[in-house]
Amino acid sequence: MAREFTVRRVEGMRGRIQEITGDPLNRMTADRARRADLIDTSASPLPMTVS
């Protein structure tokens, strides 16, 4: 496992990760008539943004 993503390191980044993911996930789920795409919304950009 890469040093950047050890359990201890990720736990230390928990607050920042929640902050980063909160807005996109809220926007994604706000429009229930539209299909949500978690990969486009969060999974792809998240590692680059958090690092």
PDB file of N, CA and C in Angstrom:
ATOM      1  N   MET A   1       0.850  -1.178   0.000  1.00  0.00           N
ATOM      2  CA  MET A   1       0.000   0.000   0.000  1.00  0.00           C
ATOM      3  C   MET A   1       0.896   1.242   0.000  1.00  0.00           C
ATOM      4  N   ALA A   2       0.504   2.214  -0.758  1.00  0.00           N
ATOM      5  CA  ALA A   2       1.267   3.464  -0.819  1.00  0.00           C
ATOM      6  C   ALA A   2       1.238   4.146   0.544  1.00  0.00           C
ATOM      7  N   ARG A   3       2.325   4.768   0.895  1.00  0.00           N
ATOM      8  CA  ARG A   3       2.440   5.450   2.183  1.00  0.00           C
ATOM      9  C   ARG A   3       1.335   6.479   2.386  1.00  0.00           C
ATOM     10  N   GLU A   4       0.907   7.119   1.318  1.00  0.00           N
ATOM     11  CA  GLU A   4      -0.108   8.162   1.423  1.00  0.00           C
ATOM     12  C   GLU A   4      -1.462   7.641   1.871  1.00  0.00           C
ATOM     13  N   PHE A   5      -1.720   6.347   1.683  1.00  0.00           N
ATOM     14  CA  PHE A   5      -3.034   5.815   1.994  1.00  0.00           C
ATOM     15  C   PHE A   5      -3.014   4.722   3.059  1.00  0.00           C
ATOM     16  N   THR A   6      -2.141   4.858   4.038  1.00  0.00           N
ATOM     17  CA  THR A   6      -2.173   3.941   5.174  1.00  0.00           C
ATOM     18  C   THR A   6      -3.390   4.296   6.029  1.00  0.00           C
ATOM     19  N   VAL A   7      -3.813   3.369   6.869  1.00  0.00           N
ATOM     20  CA  VAL A   7      -4.983   3.595   7.726  1.00  0.00           C
ATOM     21  C   VAL A   7      -4.789   4.848   8.571  1.00  0.00           C
ATOM     22  N   ARG A   8      -3.638   4.981   9.178  1.00  0.00           N
ATOM     23  CA  ARG A   8      -3.366   6.134  10.049  1.00  0.00           C
ATOM     24  C   ARG A   8      -3.440   7.446   9.263  1.00  0.00           C
ATOM     25  N   ARG A   9      -2.853   7.444   8.091  1.00  0.00           N
ATOM     26  CA  ARG A   9      -2.832   8.665   7.261  1.00  0.00           C
ATOM     27  C   ARG A   9      -4.243   9.046   6.808  1.00  0.00           C
ATOM     28  N   VAL A  10      -5.015   8.062   6.372  1.00  0.00           N
ATOM     29  CA  VAL A  10      -6.381   8.333   5.924  1.00  0.00           C
ATOM     30  C   VAL A  10      -7.233   8.818   7.090  1.00  0.00           C
ATOM     31  N   GLU A  11      -7.058   8.221   8.255  1.00  0.00           N
ATOM     32  CA  GLU A  11      -7.791   8.694   9.439  1.00  0.00           C
ATOM     33  C   GLU A  11      -7.452  10.151   9.733  1.00  0.00           C
ATOM     34  N   GLY A  12      -6.209  10.513   9.557  1.00  0.00           N
ATOM     35  CA  GLY A  12      -5.787  11.889   9.776  1.00  0.00           C
ATOM     36  C   GLY A  12      -6.379  12.855   8.758  1.00  0.00           C
ATOM     37  N   MET A  13      -6.720  12.340   7.589  1.00  0.00           N
ATOM     38  CA  MET A  13      -7.301  13.172   6.527  1.00  0.00           C
ATOM     39  C   MET A  13      -8.826  13.123   6.504  1.00  0.00           C
ATOM     40  N   ARG A  14      -9.432  12.378   7.420  1.00  0.00           N
ATOM     41  CA  ARG A  14     -10.881  12.156   7.418  1.00  0.00           C
ATOM     42  C   ARG A  14     -11.675  13.452   7.309  1.00  0.00           C
ATOM     43  N   GLY A  15     -11.377  14.430   8.123  1.00  0.00           N
ATOM     44  CA  GLY A  15     -12.118  15.693   8.094  1.00  0.00           C
ATOM     45  C   GLY A  15     -12.033  16.382   6.752  1.00  0.00           C
ATOM     46  N   ARG A  16     -10.855  16.428   6.185  1.00  0.00           N
ATOM     47  CA  ARG A  16     -10.653  17.069   4.877  1.00  0.00           C
ATOM     48  C   ARG A  16     -11.373  16.292   3.777  1.00  0.00           C
ATOM     49  N   ILE A  17     -11.327  14.973   3.844  1.00  0.00           N
ATOM     50  CA  ILE A  17     -12.011  14.151   2.842  1.00  0.00           C
ATOM     51  C   ILE A  17     -13.519  14.384   2.917  1.00  0.00           C
ATOM     52  N   GLN A  18     -14.065  14.437   4.118  1.00  0.00           N
ATOM     53  CA  GLN A  18     -15.494  14.690   4.273  1.00  0.00           C
ATOM     54  C   GLN A  18     -15.865  16.078   3.755  1.00  0.00           C
ATOM     55  N   GLU A  19     -15.018  17.030   4.001  1.00  0.00           N
ATOM     56  CA  GLU A  19     -15.245  18.394   3.517  1.00  0.00           C
ATOM     57  C   GLU A  19     -15.250  18.429   1.983  1.00  0.00           C
ATOM     58  N   ILE A  20     -14.284  17.758   1.382  1.00  0.00           N
ATOM     59  CA  ILE A  20     -14.150  17.737  -0.079  1.00  0.00           C
ATOM     60  C   ILE A  20     -15.321  17.004  -0.728  1.00  0.00           C
ATOM     61  N   THR A  21     -15.747  15.899  -0.156  1.00  0.00           N
ATOM     62  CA  THR A  21     -16.786  15.082  -0.773  1.00  0.00           C
ATOM     63  C   THR A  21     -18.202  15.546  -0.463  1.00  0.00           C
ATOM     64  N   GLY A  22     -18.377  16.321   0.582  1.00  0.00           N
ATOM     65  CA  GLY A  22     -19.724  16.736   0.989  1.00  0.00           C
ATOM     66  C   GLY A  22     -20.493  17.486  -0.072  1.00  0.00           C
ATOM     67  N   ASP A  23     -19.930  18.551  -0.616  1.00  0.00           N
ATOM     68  CA  ASP A  23     -20.638  19.352  -1.611  1.00  0.00           C
ATOM     69  C   ASP A  23     -20.982  18.575  -2.878  1.00  0.00           C
ATOM     70  N   PRO A  24     -20.026  17.904  -3.496  1.00  0.00           N
ATOM     71  CA  PRO A  24     -20.384  17.160  -4.720  1.00  0.00           C
ATOM     72  C   PRO A  24     -21.443  16.086  -4.475  1.00  0.00           C
ATOM     73  N   LEU A  25     -21.355  15.389  -3.353  1.00  0.00           N
ATOM     74  CA  LEU A  25     -22.351  14.353  -3.074  1.00  0.00           C
ATOM     75  C   LEU A  25     -23.720  14.962  -2.810  1.00  0.00           C
ATOM     76  N   ASN A  26     -23.749  16.080  -2.106  1.00  0.00           N
ATOM     77  CA  ASN A  26     -25.029  16.750  -1.859  1.00  0.00           C
ATOM     78  C   ASN A  26     -25.653  17.236  -3.159  1.00  0.00           C
ATOM     79  N   ARG A  27     -24.842  17.814  -4.032  1.00  0.00           N
ATOM     80  CA  ARG A  27     -25.361  18.267  -5.336  1.00  0.00           C
ATOM     81  C   ARG A  27     -25.837  17.077  -6.172  1.00  0.00           C
ATOM     82  N   MET A  28     -25.091  15.987  -6.129  1.00  0.00           N
ATOM     83  CA  MET A  28     -25.423  14.811  -6.915  1.00  0.00           C
ATOM     84  C   MET A  28     -26.770  14.236  -6.475  1.00  0.00           C
ATOM     85  N   THR A  29     -27.028  14.211  -5.200  1.00  0.00           N
ATOM     86  CA  THR A  29     -28.257  13.605  -4.695  1.00  0.00           C
ATOM     87  C   THR A  29     -29.422  14.590  -4.625  1.00  0.00           C
ATOM     88  N   ALA A  30     -29.186  15.872  -4.814  1.00  0.00           N
ATOM     89  CA  ALA A  30     -30.255  16.875  -4.730  1.00  0.00           C
ATOM     90  C   ALA A  30     -31.267  16.721  -5.861  1.00  0.00           C
ATOM     91  N   ASP A  31     -30.790  16.384  -7.038  1.00  0.00           N
ATOM     92  CA  ASP A  31     -31.668  16.231  -8.191  1.00  0.00           C
ATOM     93  C   ASP A  31     -32.013  14.763  -8.355  1.00  0.00           C
ATOM     94  N   ARG A  32     -33.061  14.336  -7.706  1.00  0.00           N
ATOM     95  CA  ARG A  32     -33.423  12.911  -7.710  1.00  0.00           C
ATOM     96  C   ARG A  32     -33.952  12.434  -9.067  1.00  0.00           C
ATOM     97  N   ALA A  33     -34.335  13.352  -9.923  1.00  0.00           N
ATOM     98  CA  ALA A  33     -34.823  12.967 -11.246  1.00  0.00           C
ATOM     99  C   ALA A  33     -33.662  12.594 -12.165  1.00  0.00           C
ATOM    100  N   ARG A  34     -32.475  13.047 -11.825  1.00  0.00           N
ATOM    101  CA  ARG A  34     -31.288  12.781 -12.637  1.00  0.00           C
ATOM    102  C   ARG A  34     -30.529  11.590 -12.080  1.00  0.00           C
ATOM    103  N   ARG A  35     -29.960  10.798 -12.939  1.00  0.00           N
ATOM    104  CA  ARG A  35     -29.168   9.641 -12.498  1.00  0.00           C
ATOM    105  C   ARG A  35     -27.856  10.133 -11.880  1.00  0.00           C
ATOM    106  N   ALA A  36     -27.524   9.619 -10.725  1.00  0.00           N
ATOM    107  CA  ALA A  36     -26.292   9.999 -10.028  1.00  0.00           C
ATOM    108  C   ALA A  36     -25.132   9.147 -10.531  1.00  0.00           C
ATOM    109  N   ASP A  37     -23.984   9.776 -10.725  1.00  0.00           N
ATOM    110  CA  ASP A  37     -22.788   9.055 -11.173  1.00  0.00           C
ATOM    111  C   ASP A  37     -21.663   9.322 -10.182  1.00  0.00           C
ATOM    112  N   LEU A  38     -21.479   8.416  -9.245  1.00  0.00           N
ATOM    113  CA  LEU A  38     -20.495   8.569  -8.187  1.00  0.00           C
ATOM    114  C   LEU A  38     -19.065   8.626  -8.735  1.00  0.00           C
ATOM    115  N   ILE A  39     -18.777   7.871  -9.768  1.00  0.00           N
ATOM    116  CA  ILE A  39     -17.425   7.861 -10.334  1.00  0.00           C
ATOM    117  C   ILE A  39     -17.066   9.242 -10.869  1.00  0.00           C
ATOM    118  N   ASP A  40     -17.931   9.811 -11.690  1.00  0.00           N
ATOM    119  CA  ASP A  40     -17.658  11.143 -12.239  1.00  0.00           C
ATOM    120  C   ASP A  40     -17.630  12.214 -11.161  1.00  0.00           C
ATOM    121  N   THR A  41     -18.507  12.088 -10.183  1.00  0.00           N
ATOM    122  CA  THR A  41     -18.637  13.107  -9.149  1.00  0.00           C
ATOM    123  C   THR A  41     -17.494  13.084  -8.144  1.00  0.00           C
ATOM    124  N   SER A  42     -17.085  11.918  -7.705  1.00  0.00           N
ATOM    125  CA  SER A  42     -16.146  11.855  -6.593  1.00  0.00           C
ATOM    126  C   SER A  42     -14.968  10.916  -6.752  1.00  0.00           C
ATOM    127  N   ALA A  43     -15.226   9.712  -7.190  1.00  0.00           N
ATOM    128  CA  ALA A  43     -14.171   8.698  -7.168  1.00  0.00           C
ATOM    129  C   ALA A  43     -12.960   9.069  -8.024  1.00  0.00           C
ATOM    130  N   SER A  44     -13.202   9.603  -9.196  1.00  0.00           N
ATOM    131  CA  SER A  44     -12.066   9.957 -10.055  1.00  0.00           C
ATOM    132  C   SER A  44     -11.276  11.147  -9.525  1.00  0.00           C
ATOM    133  N   PRO A  45     -11.909  12.272  -9.195  1.00  0.00           N
ATOM    134  CA  PRO A  45     -11.140  13.435  -8.752  1.00  0.00           C
ATOM    135  C   PRO A  45     -10.666  13.380  -7.299  1.00  0.00           C
ATOM    136  N   LEU A  46     -11.259  12.552  -6.470  1.00  0.00           N
ATOM    137  CA  LEU A  46     -10.959  12.561  -5.039  1.00  0.00           C
ATOM    138  C   LEU A  46      -9.497  12.311  -4.702  1.00  0.00           C
ATOM    139  N   PRO A  47      -8.843  11.256  -5.188  1.00  0.00           N
ATOM    140  CA  PRO A  47      -7.442  11.036  -4.799  1.00  0.00           C
ATOM    141  C   PRO A  47      -6.527  12.201  -5.179  1.00  0.00           C
ATOM    142  N   MET A  48      -6.761  12.821  -6.315  1.00  0.00           N
ATOM    143  CA  MET A  48      -5.929  13.950  -6.744  1.00  0.00           C
ATOM    144  C   MET A  48      -6.168  15.161  -5.852  1.00  0.00           C
ATOM    145  N   THR A  49      -7.402  15.375  -5.434  1.00  0.00           N
ATOM    146  CA  THR A  49      -7.743  16.539  -4.617  1.00  0.00           C
ATOM    147  C   THR A  49      -7.224  16.387  -3.188  1.00  0.00           C
ATOM    148  N   VAL A  50      -7.327  15.183  -2.639  1.00  0.00           N
ATOM    149  CA  VAL A  50      -6.926  14.944  -1.252  1.00  0.00           C
ATOM    150  C   VAL A  50      -5.418  14.956  -1.088  1.00  0.00           C
ATOM    151  N   SER A  51      -4.686  14.395  -2.038  1.00  0.00           N
ATOM    152  CA  SER A  51      -3.239  14.263  -1.916  1.00  0.00           C
ATOM    153  C   SER A  51      -2.523  15.565  -1.723  1.00  0.00           C
TER     154      SER A  51
END
